[in-house]
């Protein structure tokens, strides 16, 4: 068991920032605007899923339209999922999707938008 870890002031060149971390860790980064945050997410060779916390529907849709990821989860963590949804990534975050239906649709890139009432 690993305890959850929150880090800040991590250089953008560190592997924890540039590679996918499959563990209970989050790196906090200060950005100047919402659009700068979206650009920082896209400035990666990975694109599994993104969690966006906002009460602004326009920002939620802007995130959905611009983020280069396999799924956008509004107001919950990006690992939230159920078995029948198309879970998976783009870029170097894998090929195809997991899920009952999507196991048969190998090599596709469907996307998913979830908006949770905050």
PDB file of N, CA and C in Angstrom:
ATOM      1  N   UNK A   1       0.828  -1.169   0.000  1.00  0.00           N
ATOM      2  CA  UNK A   1       0.000   0.000   0.000  1.00  0.00           C
ATOM      3  C   UNK A   1       0.880   1.242   0.000  1.00  0.00           C
ATOM      4  N   UNK A   2       0.586   2.160  -0.889  1.00  0.00           N
ATOM      5  CA  UNK A   2       1.306   3.420  -0.944  1.00  0.00           C
ATOM      6  C   UNK A   2       0.388   4.542  -0.485  1.00  0.00           C
ATOM      7  N   UNK A   3       0.907   5.418   0.346  1.00  0.00           N
ATOM      8  CA  UNK A   3       0.125   6.570   0.776  1.00  0.00           C
ATOM      9  C   UNK A   3       0.048   7.596  -0.346  1.00  0.00           C
ATOM     10  N   UNK A   4      -1.058   8.309  -0.402  1.00  0.00           N
ATOM     11  CA  UNK A   4      -1.221   9.366  -1.392  1.00  0.00           C
ATOM     12  C   UNK A   4      -0.176  10.453  -1.157  1.00  0.00           C
ATOM     13  N   UNK A   5       0.354  10.982  -2.249  1.00  0.00           N
ATOM     14  CA  UNK A   5       1.402  11.990  -2.169  1.00  0.00           C
ATOM     15  C   UNK A   5       1.020  13.187  -3.032  1.00  0.00           C
ATOM     16  N   UNK A   6       1.156  14.378  -2.493  1.00  0.00           N
ATOM     17  CA  UNK A   6       0.915  15.632  -3.212  1.00  0.00           C
ATOM     18  C   UNK A   6       2.242  16.372  -3.264  1.00  0.00           C
ATOM     19  N   UNK A   7       2.676  16.728  -4.479  1.00  0.00           N
ATOM     20  CA  UNK A   7       3.942  17.439  -4.658  1.00  0.00           C
ATOM     21  C   UNK A   7       3.702  18.748  -5.395  1.00  0.00           C
ATOM     22  N   UNK A   8       4.518  19.745  -5.081  1.00  0.00           N
ATOM     23  CA  UNK A   8       4.481  21.003  -5.816  1.00  0.00           C
ATOM     24  C   UNK A   8       5.910  21.453  -6.093  1.00  0.00           C
ATOM     25  N   UNK A   9       6.047  22.401  -7.003  1.00  0.00           N
ATOM     26  CA  UNK A   9       7.356  22.926  -7.409  1.00  0.00           C
ATOM     27  C   UNK A   9       8.228  21.819  -8.018  1.00  0.00           C
ATOM     28  N   UNK A  10       7.624  20.879  -8.721  1.00  0.00           N
ATOM     29  CA  UNK A  10       8.369  19.824  -9.403  1.00  0.00           C
ATOM     30  C   UNK A  10       8.738  20.353 -10.787  1.00  0.00           C
ATOM     31  N   UNK A  11      10.023  20.344 -11.155  1.00  0.00           N
ATOM     32  CA  UNK A  11      10.421  20.829 -12.483  1.00  0.00           C
ATOM     33  C   UNK A  11       9.700  20.067 -13.597  1.00  0.00           C
ATOM     34  N   UNK A  12       9.308  20.777 -14.645  1.00  0.00           N
ATOM     35  CA  UNK A  12       8.555  20.172 -15.749  1.00  0.00           C
ATOM     36  C   UNK A  12       9.343  19.115 -16.509  1.00  0.00           C
ATOM     37  N   UNK A  13      10.648  19.025 -16.255  1.00  0.00           N
ATOM     38  CA  UNK A  13      11.477  18.032 -16.943  1.00  0.00           C
ATOM     39  C   UNK A  13      11.599  16.724 -16.165  1.00  0.00           C
ATOM     40  N   UNK A  14      11.093  16.663 -14.958  1.00  0.00           N
ATOM     41  CA  UNK A  14      11.200  15.458 -14.132  1.00  0.00           C
ATOM     42  C   UNK A  14      10.299  14.347 -14.674  1.00  0.00           C
ATOM     43  N   UNK A  15      10.746  13.093 -14.602  1.00  0.00           N
ATOM     44  CA  UNK A  15       9.925  11.969 -15.085  1.00  0.00           C
ATOM     45  C   UNK A  15       8.531  11.916 -14.461  1.00  0.00           C
ATOM     46  N   UNK A  16       8.381  12.351 -13.224  1.00  0.00           N
ATOM     47  CA  UNK A  16       7.066  12.352 -12.593  1.00  0.00           C
ATOM     48  C   UNK A  16       6.091  13.256 -13.347  1.00  0.00           C
ATOM     49  N   UNK A  17       6.605  14.275 -14.025  1.00  0.00           N
ATOM     50  CA  UNK A  17       5.776  15.189 -14.802  1.00  0.00           C
ATOM     51  C   UNK A  17       5.681  14.747 -16.261  1.00  0.00           C
ATOM     52  N   UNK A  18       6.766  14.221 -16.817  1.00  0.00           N
ATOM     53  CA  UNK A  18       6.799  13.911 -18.247  1.00  0.00           C
ATOM     54  C   UNK A  18       6.311  12.503 -18.597  1.00  0.00           C
ATOM     55  N   UNK A  19       6.223  11.625 -17.630  1.00  0.00           N
ATOM     56  CA  UNK A  19       5.777  10.242 -17.876  1.00  0.00           C
ATOM     57  C   UNK A  19       4.465   9.993 -17.138  1.00  0.00           C
ATOM     58  N   UNK A  20       3.788   8.899 -17.479  1.00  0.00           N
ATOM     59  CA  UNK A  20       2.557   8.541 -16.764  1.00  0.00           C
ATOM     60  C   UNK A  20       2.921   7.926 -15.423  1.00  0.00           C
ATOM     61  N   UNK A  21       2.267   8.395 -14.392  1.00  0.00           N
ATOM     62  CA  UNK A  21       2.494   7.866 -13.043  1.00  0.00           C
ATOM     63  C   UNK A  21       1.271   7.043 -12.646  1.00  0.00           C
ATOM     64  N   UNK A  22       1.439   5.748 -12.499  1.00  0.00           N
ATOM     65  CA  UNK A  22       0.331   4.890 -12.089  1.00  0.00           C
ATOM     66  C   UNK A  22       0.464   4.616 -10.600  1.00  0.00           C
ATOM     67  N   UNK A  23       0.034   5.563  -9.815  1.00  0.00           N
ATOM     68  CA  UNK A  23       0.112   5.455  -8.374  1.00  0.00           C
ATOM     69  C   UNK A  23      -0.601   6.625  -7.734  1.00  0.00           C
ATOM     70  N   UNK A  24      -0.700   6.630  -6.434  1.00  0.00           N
ATOM     71  CA  UNK A  24      -1.438   7.685  -5.726  1.00  0.00           C
ATOM     72  C   UNK A  24      -0.606   8.953  -5.558  1.00  0.00           C
ATOM     73  N   UNK A  25      -0.373   9.665  -6.665  1.00  0.00           N
ATOM     74  CA  UNK A  25       0.445  10.871  -6.621  1.00  0.00           C
ATOM     75  C   UNK A  25      -0.174  11.939  -7.516  1.00  0.00           C
ATOM     76  N   UNK A  26      -0.053  13.180  -7.079  1.00  0.00           N
ATOM     77  CA  UNK A  26      -0.497  14.311  -7.884  1.00  0.00           C
ATOM     78  C   UNK A  26       0.569  15.395  -7.788  1.00  0.00           C
ATOM     79  N   UNK A  27       0.820  16.052  -8.923  1.00  0.00           N
ATOM     80  CA  UNK A  27       1.757  17.167  -8.965  1.00  0.00           C
ATOM     81  C   UNK A  27       0.945  18.437  -9.179  1.00  0.00           C
ATOM     82  N   UNK A  28       1.081  19.400  -8.269  1.00  0.00           N
ATOM     83  CA  UNK A  28       0.387  20.678  -8.392  1.00  0.00           C
ATOM     84  C   UNK A  28       1.232  21.623  -9.225  1.00  0.00           C
ATOM     85  N   UNK A  29       0.590  22.262 -10.200  1.00  0.00           N
ATOM     86  CA  UNK A  29       1.270  23.244 -11.043  1.00  0.00           C
ATOM     87  C   UNK A  29       0.455  24.531 -11.048  1.00  0.00           C
ATOM     88  N   UNK A  30       1.136  25.644 -10.902  1.00  0.00           N
ATOM     89  CA  UNK A  30       0.460  26.936 -10.955  1.00  0.00           C
ATOM     90  C   UNK A  30       0.397  27.381 -12.412  1.00  0.00           C
ATOM     91  N   UNK A  31      -0.787  27.796 -12.852  1.00  0.00           N
ATOM     92  CA  UNK A  31      -0.967  28.288 -14.220  1.00  0.00           C
ATOM     93  C   UNK A  31      -1.638  29.652 -14.165  1.00  0.00           C
ATOM     94  N   UNK A  32      -1.504  30.399 -15.250  1.00  0.00           N
ATOM     95  CA  UNK A  32      -2.018  31.769 -15.262  1.00  0.00           C
ATOM     96  C   UNK A  32      -3.497  31.861 -15.634  1.00  0.00           C
ATOM     97  N   UNK A  33      -4.041  30.809 -16.267  1.00  0.00           N
ATOM     98  CA  UNK A  33      -5.436  30.871 -16.697  1.00  0.00           C
ATOM     99  C   UNK A  33      -5.948  29.457 -16.983  1.00  0.00           C
ATOM    100  N   UNK A  34      -7.248  29.356 -17.171  1.00  0.00           N
ATOM    101  CA  UNK A  34      -7.855  28.069 -17.517  1.00  0.00           C
ATOM    102  C   UNK A  34      -7.297  27.564 -18.849  1.00  0.00           C
ATOM    103  N   UNK A  35      -7.183  28.452 -19.834  1.00  0.00           N
ATOM    104  CA  UNK A  35      -6.638  28.052 -21.136  1.00  0.00           C
ATOM    105  C   UNK A  35      -5.187  27.597 -21.019  1.00  0.00           C
ATOM    106  N   UNK A  36      -4.420  28.223 -20.144  1.00  0.00           N
ATOM    107  CA  UNK A  36      -3.034  27.788 -19.919  1.00  0.00           C
ATOM    108  C   UNK A  36      -3.011  26.389 -19.307  1.00  0.00           C
ATOM    109  N   UNK A  37      -3.959  26.094 -18.447  1.00  0.00           N
ATOM    110  CA  UNK A  37      -4.045  24.751 -17.860  1.00  0.00           C
ATOM    111  C   UNK A  37      -4.357  23.713 -18.936  1.00  0.00           C
ATOM    112  N   UNK A  38      -5.291  24.032 -19.841  1.00  0.00           N
ATOM    113  CA  UNK A  38      -5.616  23.119 -20.930  1.00  0.00           C
ATOM    114  C   UNK A  38      -4.393  22.891 -21.825  1.00  0.00           C
ATOM    115  N   UNK A  39      -3.673  23.956 -22.118  1.00  0.00           N
ATOM    116  CA  UNK A  39      -2.473  23.843 -22.956  1.00  0.00           C
ATOM    117  C   UNK A  39      -1.416  22.985 -22.274  1.00  0.00           C
ATOM    118  N   UNK A  40      -1.274  23.116 -20.946  1.00  0.00           N
ATOM    119  CA  UNK A  40      -0.293  22.316 -20.221  1.00  0.00           C
ATOM    120  C   UNK A  40      -0.644  20.829 -20.268  1.00  0.00           C
ATOM    121  N   UNK A  41      -1.925  20.511 -20.162  1.00  0.00           N
ATOM    122  CA  UNK A  41      -2.351  19.111 -20.276  1.00  0.00           C
ATOM    123  C   UNK A  41      -2.007  18.575 -21.665  1.00  0.00           C
ATOM    124  N   UNK A  42      -2.269  19.360 -22.688  1.00  0.00           N
ATOM    125  CA  UNK A  42      -2.010  18.916 -24.061  1.00  0.00           C
ATOM    126  C   UNK A  42      -0.526  18.847 -24.398  1.00  0.00           C
ATOM    127  N   UNK A  43       0.313  19.528 -23.631  1.00  0.00           N
ATOM    128  CA  UNK A  43       1.750  19.524 -23.873  1.00  0.00           C
ATOM    129  C   UNK A  43       2.370  18.258 -23.277  1.00  0.00           C
ATOM    130  N   UNK A  44       1.871  17.130 -23.709  1.00  0.00           N
ATOM    131  CA  UNK A  44       2.308  15.832 -23.201  1.00  0.00           C
ATOM    132  C   UNK A  44       2.168  14.807 -24.309  1.00  0.00           C
ATOM    133  N   UNK A  45       3.029  13.805 -24.269  1.00  0.00           N
ATOM    134  CA  UNK A  45       2.906  12.719 -25.241  1.00  0.00           C
ATOM    135  C   UNK A  45       1.840  11.713 -24.818  1.00  0.00           C
ATOM    136  N   UNK A  46       1.232  11.937 -23.647  1.00  0.00           N
ATOM    137  CA  UNK A  46       0.205  11.036 -23.126  1.00  0.00           C
ATOM    138  C   UNK A  46      -1.155  11.715 -23.152  1.00  0.00           C
ATOM    139  N   UNK A  47      -2.210  10.916 -23.085  1.00  0.00           N
ATOM    140  CA  UNK A  47      -3.563  11.465 -23.071  1.00  0.00           C
ATOM    141  C   UNK A  47      -4.580  10.431 -22.636  1.00  0.00           C
ATOM    142  N   UNK A  48      -4.454   9.932 -21.408  1.00  0.00           N
ATOM    143  CA  UNK A  48      -5.396   8.913 -20.938  1.00  0.00           C
ATOM    144  C   UNK A  48      -6.760   9.547 -20.666  1.00  0.00           C
ATOM    145  N   UNK A  49      -6.941  10.175 -19.544  1.00  0.00           N
ATOM    146  CA  UNK A  49      -8.189  10.866 -19.221  1.00  0.00           C
ATOM    147  C   UNK A  49      -7.846  12.117 -18.431  1.00  0.00           C
ATOM    148  N   UNK A  50      -8.791  13.047 -18.371  1.00  0.00           N
ATOM    149  CA  UNK A  50      -8.592  14.273 -17.609  1.00  0.00           C
ATOM    150  C   UNK A  50      -9.789  14.510 -16.706  1.00  0.00           C
ATOM    151  N   UNK A  51      -9.522  14.973 -15.493  1.00  0.00           N
ATOM    152  CA  UNK A  51     -10.570  15.402 -14.585  1.00  0.00           C
ATOM    153  C   UNK A  51     -10.541  16.912 -14.502  1.00  0.00           C
ATOM    154  N   UNK A  52     -11.680  17.546 -14.746  1.00  0.00           N
ATOM    155  CA  UNK A  52     -11.782  19.002 -14.719  1.00  0.00           C
ATOM    156  C   UNK A  52     -12.842  19.382 -13.692  1.00  0.00           C
ATOM    157  N   UNK A  53     -12.440  20.161 -12.707  1.00  0.00           N
ATOM    158  CA  UNK A  53     -13.372  20.595 -11.665  1.00  0.00           C
ATOM    159  C   UNK A  53     -13.801  22.019 -11.965  1.00  0.00           C
ATOM    160  N   UNK A  54     -15.092  22.189 -12.285  1.00  0.00           N
ATOM    161  CA  UNK A  54     -15.626  23.514 -12.604  1.00  0.00           C
ATOM    162  C   UNK A  54     -17.137  23.499 -12.462  1.00  0.00           C
ATOM    163  N   UNK A  55     -17.699  24.651 -12.137  1.00  0.00           N
ATOM    164  CA  UNK A  55     -19.148  24.833 -12.157  1.00  0.00           C
ATOM    165  C   UNK A  55     -19.585  25.597 -13.397  1.00  0.00           C
ATOM    166  N   UNK A  56     -18.640  25.903 -14.265  1.00  0.00           N
ATOM    167  CA  UNK A  56     -18.885  26.681 -15.472  1.00  0.00           C
ATOM    168  C   UNK A  56     -19.044  25.723 -16.654  1.00  0.00           C
ATOM    169  N   UNK A  57     -20.259  25.587 -17.163  1.00  0.00           N
ATOM    170  CA  UNK A  57     -20.517  24.661 -18.263  1.00  0.00           C
ATOM    171  C   UNK A  57     -19.706  25.020 -19.513  1.00  0.00           C
ATOM    172  N   UNK A  58     -19.486  26.320 -19.733  1.00  0.00           N
ATOM    173  CA  UNK A  58     -18.700  26.746 -20.898  1.00  0.00           C
ATOM    174  C   UNK A  58     -17.256  26.246 -20.791  1.00  0.00           C
ATOM    175  N   UNK A  59     -16.686  26.306 -19.595  1.00  0.00           N
ATOM    176  CA  UNK A  59     -15.331  25.778 -19.402  1.00  0.00           C
ATOM    177  C   UNK A  59     -15.312  24.255 -19.578  1.00  0.00           C
ATOM    178  N   UNK A  60     -16.333  23.590 -19.091  1.00  0.00           N
ATOM    179  CA  UNK A  60     -16.411  22.133 -19.246  1.00  0.00           C
ATOM    180  C   UNK A  60     -16.419  21.757 -20.725  1.00  0.00           C
ATOM    181  N   UNK A  61     -17.208  22.447 -21.514  1.00  0.00           N
ATOM    182  CA  UNK A  61     -17.279  22.158 -22.952  1.00  0.00           C
ATOM    183  C   UNK A  61     -15.978  22.553 -23.641  1.00  0.00           C
ATOM    184  N   UNK A  62     -15.360  23.666 -23.221  1.00  0.00           N
ATOM    185  CA  UNK A  62     -14.067  24.062 -23.799  1.00  0.00           C
ATOM    186  C   UNK A  62     -13.005  23.007 -23.512  1.00  0.00           C
ATOM    187  N   UNK A  63     -13.027  22.448 -22.306  1.00  0.00           N
ATOM    188  CA  UNK A  63     -12.090  21.367 -21.972  1.00  0.00           C
ATOM    189  C   UNK A  63     -12.348  20.164 -22.871  1.00  0.00           C
ATOM    190  N   UNK A  64     -13.604  19.790 -23.032  1.00  0.00           N
ATOM    191  CA  UNK A  64     -13.967  18.656 -23.890  1.00  0.00           C
ATOM    192  C   UNK A  64     -13.501  18.893 -25.330  1.00  0.00           C
ATOM    193  N   UNK A  65     -13.712  20.105 -25.827  1.00  0.00           N
ATOM    194  CA  UNK A  65     -13.345  20.426 -27.210  1.00  0.00           C
ATOM    195  C   UNK A  65     -11.840  20.464 -27.432  1.00  0.00           C
ATOM    196  N   UNK A  66     -11.065  20.858 -26.426  1.00  0.00           N
ATOM    197  CA  UNK A  66      -9.645  21.102 -26.675  1.00  0.00           C
ATOM    198  C   UNK A  66      -8.691  20.063 -26.100  1.00  0.00           C
ATOM    199  N   UNK A  67      -9.089  19.335 -25.071  1.00  0.00           N
ATOM    200  CA  UNK A  67      -8.149  18.382 -24.471  1.00  0.00           C
ATOM    201  C   UNK A  67      -7.942  17.162 -25.364  1.00  0.00           C
ATOM    202  N   UNK A  68      -6.687  16.804 -25.549  1.00  0.00           N
ATOM    203  CA  UNK A  68      -6.303  15.655 -26.380  1.00  0.00           C
ATOM    204  C   UNK A  68      -6.155  14.433 -25.487  1.00  0.00           C
ATOM    205  N   UNK A  69      -7.299  13.933 -25.012  1.00  0.00           N
ATOM    206  CA  UNK A  69      -7.337  12.799 -24.101  1.00  0.00           C
ATOM    207  C   UNK A  69      -8.485  11.872 -24.500  1.00  0.00           C
ATOM    208  N   UNK A  70      -8.446  10.661 -23.988  1.00  0.00           N
ATOM    209  CA  UNK A  70      -9.482   9.688 -24.315  1.00  0.00           C
ATOM    210  C   UNK A  70     -10.811   9.951 -23.648  1.00  0.00           C
ATOM    211  N   UNK A  71     -10.820  10.669 -22.540  1.00  0.00           N
ATOM    212  CA  UNK A  71     -12.060  10.971 -21.850  1.00  0.00           C
ATOM    213  C   UNK A  71     -11.891  12.166 -20.940  1.00  0.00           C
ATOM    214  N   UNK A  72     -12.945  12.942 -20.802  1.00  0.00           N
ATOM    215  CA  UNK A  72     -12.943  14.090 -19.923  1.00  0.00           C
ATOM    216  C   UNK A  72     -14.033  13.865 -18.878  1.00  0.00           C
ATOM    217  N   UNK A  73     -13.652  13.887 -17.614  1.00  0.00           N
ATOM    218  CA  UNK A  73     -14.590  13.703 -16.508  1.00  0.00           C
ATOM    219  C   UNK A  73     -14.739  15.047 -15.806  1.00  0.00           C
ATOM    220  N   UNK A  74     -15.954  15.562 -15.783  1.00  0.00           N
ATOM    221  CA  UNK A  74     -16.206  16.847 -15.147  1.00  0.00           C
ATOM    222  C   UNK A  74     -16.618  16.619 -13.689  1.00  0.00           C
ATOM    223  N   UNK A  75     -15.899  17.260 -12.793  1.00  0.00           N
ATOM    224  CA  UNK A  75     -16.174  17.247 -11.355  1.00  0.00           C
ATOM    225  C   UNK A  75     -15.972  15.892 -10.691  1.00  0.00           C
ATOM    226  N   UNK A  76     -15.022  15.137 -11.187  1.00  0.00           N
ATOM    227  CA  UNK A  76     -14.595  13.906 -10.516  1.00  0.00           C
ATOM    228  C   UNK A  76     -13.193  13.569 -11.014  1.00  0.00           C
ATOM    229  N   UNK A  77     -12.589  12.594 -10.395  1.00  0.00           N
ATOM    230  CA  UNK A  77     -11.221  12.208 -10.756  1.00  0.00           C
ATOM    231  C   UNK A  77     -11.207  11.537 -12.129  1.00  0.00           C
ATOM    232  N   UNK A  78     -10.096  11.655 -12.873  1.00  0.00           N
ATOM    233  CA  UNK A  78     -10.051  11.097 -14.218  1.00  0.00           C
ATOM    234  C   UNK A  78     -10.063   9.577 -14.262  1.00  0.00           C
ATOM    235  N   UNK A  79      -9.876   8.919 -13.137  1.00  0.00           N
ATOM    236  CA  UNK A  79      -9.909   7.446 -13.135  1.00  0.00           C
ATOM    237  C   UNK A  79     -11.311   6.899 -12.889  1.00  0.00           C
ATOM    238  N   UNK A  80     -12.308   7.779 -12.695  1.00  0.00           N
ATOM    239  CA  UNK A  80     -13.677   7.324 -12.493  1.00  0.00           C
ATOM    240  C   UNK A  80     -14.144   6.594 -13.740  1.00  0.00           C
ATOM    241  N   UNK A  81     -14.786   5.432 -13.543  1.00  0.00           N
ATOM    242  CA  UNK A  81     -15.259   4.668 -14.699  1.00  0.00           C
ATOM    243  C   UNK A  81     -16.235   3.601 -14.273  1.00  0.00           C
ATOM    244  N   UNK A  82     -16.988   3.132 -15.241  1.00  0.00           N
ATOM    245  CA  UNK A  82     -17.810   1.942 -15.101  1.00  0.00           C
ATOM    246  C   UNK A  82     -17.419   1.005 -16.250  1.00  0.00           C
ATOM    247  N   UNK A  83     -17.696  -0.273 -16.088  1.00  0.00           N
ATOM    248  CA  UNK A  83     -17.203  -1.263 -17.047  1.00  0.00           C
ATOM    249  C   UNK A  83     -17.702  -1.080 -18.479  1.00  0.00           C
ATOM    250  N   UNK A  84     -18.878  -0.517 -18.666  1.00  0.00           N
ATOM    251  CA  UNK A  84     -19.411  -0.427 -20.030  1.00  0.00           C
ATOM    252  C   UNK A  84     -19.100   0.893 -20.736  1.00  0.00           C
ATOM    253  N   UNK A  85     -18.288   1.755 -20.133  1.00  0.00           N
ATOM    254  CA  UNK A  85     -17.924   2.999 -20.806  1.00  0.00           C
ATOM    255  C   UNK A  85     -16.599   2.822 -21.556  1.00  0.00           C
ATOM    256  N   UNK A  86     -16.365   3.643 -22.568  1.00  0.00           N
ATOM    257  CA  UNK A  86     -15.135   3.512 -23.363  1.00  0.00           C
ATOM    258  C   UNK A  86     -13.938   4.127 -22.652  1.00  0.00           C
ATOM    259  N   UNK A  87     -13.283   3.348 -21.799  1.00  0.00           N
ATOM    260  CA  UNK A  87     -12.140   3.849 -21.032  1.00  0.00           C
ATOM    261  C   UNK A  87     -10.850   3.562 -21.787  1.00  0.00           C
ATOM    262  N   UNK A  88     -10.041   4.588 -21.996  1.00  0.00           N
ATOM    263  CA  UNK A  88      -8.755   4.424 -22.647  1.00  0.00           C
ATOM    264  C   UNK A  88      -8.204   5.762 -23.074  1.00  0.00           C
ATOM    265  N   UNK A  89      -7.004   5.737 -23.657  1.00  0.00           N
ATOM    266  CA  UNK A  89      -6.333   6.983 -23.967  1.00  0.00           C
ATOM    267  C   UNK A  89      -5.994   7.166 -25.426  1.00  0.00           C
ATOM    268  N   UNK A  90      -5.347   8.301 -25.708  1.00  0.00           N
ATOM    269  CA  UNK A  90      -4.848   8.645 -27.035  1.00  0.00           C
ATOM    270  C   UNK A  90      -3.355   8.939 -26.914  1.00  0.00           C
ATOM    271  N   UNK A  91      -2.742   9.283 -28.011  1.00  0.00           N
ATOM    272  CA  UNK A  91      -1.301   9.519 -28.071  1.00  0.00           C
ATOM    273  C   UNK A  91      -0.579   8.271 -27.556  1.00  0.00           C
ATOM    274  N   UNK A  92       0.375   8.408 -26.641  1.00  0.00           N
ATOM    275  CA  UNK A  92       1.125   7.253 -26.138  1.00  0.00           C
ATOM    276  C   UNK A  92       0.462   6.594 -24.931  1.00  0.00           C
ATOM    277  N   UNK A  93      -0.821   6.839 -24.724  1.00  0.00           N
ATOM    278  CA  UNK A  93      -1.538   6.245 -23.589  1.00  0.00           C
ATOM    279  C   UNK A  93      -2.352   5.023 -24.002  1.00  0.00           C
ATOM    280  N   UNK A  94      -1.895   4.290 -24.969  1.00  0.00           N
ATOM    281  CA  UNK A  94      -2.548   3.033 -25.312  1.00  0.00           C
ATOM    282  C   UNK A  94      -3.306   3.072 -26.609  1.00  0.00           C
ATOM    283  N   UNK A  95      -3.794   1.905 -26.975  1.00  0.00           N
ATOM    284  CA  UNK A  95      -4.552   1.731 -28.213  1.00  0.00           C
ATOM    285  C   UNK A  95      -5.940   1.208 -27.886  1.00  0.00           C
ATOM    286  N   UNK A  96      -6.957   1.753 -28.531  1.00  0.00           N
ATOM    287  CA  UNK A  96      -8.307   1.253 -28.338  1.00  0.00           C
ATOM    288  C   UNK A  96      -8.872   1.595 -26.975  1.00  0.00           C
ATOM    289  N   UNK A  97      -9.934   0.885 -26.630  1.00  0.00           N
ATOM    290  CA  UNK A  97     -10.652   1.135 -25.390  1.00  0.00           C
ATOM    291  C   UNK A  97     -10.916  -0.169 -24.651  1.00  0.00           C
ATOM    292  N   UNK A  98     -11.087  -0.040 -23.343  1.00  0.00           N
ATOM    293  CA  UNK A  98     -11.541  -1.155 -22.529  1.00  0.00           C
ATOM    294  C   UNK A  98     -13.047  -1.039 -22.397  1.00  0.00           C
ATOM    295  N   UNK A  99     -13.688  -2.138 -22.073  1.00  0.00           N
ATOM    296  CA  UNK A  99     -15.133  -2.147 -21.885  1.00  0.00           C
ATOM    297  C   UNK A  99     -15.744  -3.240 -22.726  1.00  0.00           C
ATOM    298  N   UNK A 100     -16.908  -3.672 -22.339  1.00  0.00           N
ATOM    299  CA  UNK A 100     -17.560  -4.811 -22.983  1.00  0.00           C
ATOM    300  C   UNK A 100     -17.676  -4.605 -24.485  1.00  0.00           C
ATOM    301  N   UNK A 101     -18.341  -3.542 -24.907  1.00  0.00           N
ATOM    302  CA  UNK A 101     -18.546  -3.288 -26.335  1.00  0.00           C
ATOM    303  C   UNK A 101     -17.234  -2.967 -27.053  1.00  0.00           C
ATOM    304  N   UNK A 102     -16.383  -2.207 -26.383  1.00  0.00           N
ATOM    305  CA  UNK A 102     -15.193  -1.673 -27.021  1.00  0.00           C
ATOM    306  C   UNK A 102     -14.085  -2.702 -27.167  1.00  0.00           C
ATOM    307  N   UNK A 103     -14.184  -3.804 -26.468  1.00  0.00           N
ATOM    308  CA  UNK A 103     -13.223  -4.880 -26.685  1.00  0.00           C
ATOM    309  C   UNK A 103     -13.333  -5.405 -28.105  1.00  0.00           C
ATOM    310  N   UNK A 104     -14.516  -5.281 -28.707  1.00  0.00           N
ATOM    311  CA  UNK A 104     -14.733  -5.750 -30.082  1.00  0.00           C
ATOM    312  C   UNK A 104     -14.409  -4.677 -31.111  1.00  0.00           C
ATOM    313  N   UNK A 105     -14.269  -3.456 -30.701  1.00  0.00           N
ATOM    314  CA  UNK A 105     -13.982  -2.358 -31.634  1.00  0.00           C
ATOM    315  C   UNK A 105     -12.533  -1.906 -31.484  1.00  0.00           C
ATOM    316  N   UNK A 106     -11.633  -2.847 -31.665  1.00  0.00           N
ATOM    317  CA  UNK A 106     -10.205  -2.602 -31.491  1.00  0.00           C
ATOM    318  C   UNK A 106      -9.721  -1.475 -32.405  1.00  0.00           C
ATOM    319  N   UNK A 107      -8.821  -0.680 -31.892  1.00  0.00           N
ATOM    320  CA  UNK A 107      -8.138   0.376 -32.644  1.00  0.00           C
ATOM    321  C   UNK A 107      -9.029   1.565 -32.992  1.00  0.00           C
ATOM    322  N   UNK A 108     -10.064   1.837 -32.201  1.00  0.00           N
ATOM    323  CA  UNK A 108     -10.898   3.019 -32.431  1.00  0.00           C
ATOM    324  C   UNK A 108     -10.569   4.063 -31.366  1.00  0.00           C
ATOM    325  N   UNK A 109     -11.044   5.272 -31.564  1.00  0.00           N
ATOM    326  CA  UNK A 109     -10.815   6.327 -30.589  1.00  0.00           C
ATOM    327  C   UNK A 109     -12.110   7.049 -30.226  1.00  0.00           C
ATOM    328  N   UNK A 110     -13.086   6.331 -29.670  1.00  0.00           N
ATOM    329  CA  UNK A 110     -14.262   7.051 -29.176  1.00  0.00           C
ATOM    330  C   UNK A 110     -13.891   7.892 -27.962  1.00  0.00           C
ATOM    331  N   UNK A 111     -14.683   8.913 -27.663  1.00  0.00           N
ATOM    332  CA  UNK A 111     -14.422   9.768 -26.514  1.00  0.00           C
ATOM    333  C   UNK A 111     -15.668   9.842 -25.643  1.00  0.00           C
ATOM    334  N   UNK A 112     -15.500  10.311 -24.451  1.00  0.00           N
ATOM    335  CA  UNK A 112     -16.584  10.347 -23.477  1.00  0.00           C
ATOM    336  C   UNK A 112     -16.553  11.658 -22.714  1.00  0.00           C
ATOM    337  N   UNK A 113     -17.714  12.239 -22.478  1.00  0.00           N
ATOM    338  CA  UNK A 113     -17.835  13.443 -21.664  1.00  0.00           C
ATOM    339  C   UNK A 113     -18.786  13.138 -20.519  1.00  0.00           C
ATOM    340  N   UNK A 114     -18.337  13.404 -19.285  1.00  0.00           N
ATOM    341  CA  UNK A 114     -19.167  13.215 -18.113  1.00  0.00           C
ATOM    342  C   UNK A 114     -19.279  14.552 -17.415  1.00  0.00           C
ATOM    343  N   UNK A 115     -20.489  14.976 -17.110  1.00  0.00           N
ATOM    344  CA  UNK A 115     -20.693  16.208 -16.360  1.00  0.00           C
ATOM    345  C   UNK A 115     -21.432  15.831 -15.091  1.00  0.00           C
ATOM    346  N   UNK A 116     -20.766  16.002 -13.965  1.00  0.00           N
ATOM    347  CA  UNK A 116     -21.340  15.657 -12.668  1.00  0.00           C
ATOM    348  C   UNK A 116     -21.788  16.938 -11.989  1.00  0.00           C
ATOM    349  N   UNK A 117     -23.005  16.948 -11.502  1.00  0.00           N
ATOM    350  CA  UNK A 117     -23.521  18.098 -10.793  1.00  0.00           C
ATOM    351  C   UNK A 117     -22.684  18.344  -9.552  1.00  0.00           C
ATOM    352  N   UNK A 118     -22.133  19.541  -9.450  1.00  0.00           N
ATOM    353  CA  UNK A 118     -21.233  19.841  -8.328  1.00  0.00           C
ATOM    354  C   UNK A 118     -21.978  20.202  -7.077  1.00  0.00           C
TER     355      UNK A 118
END
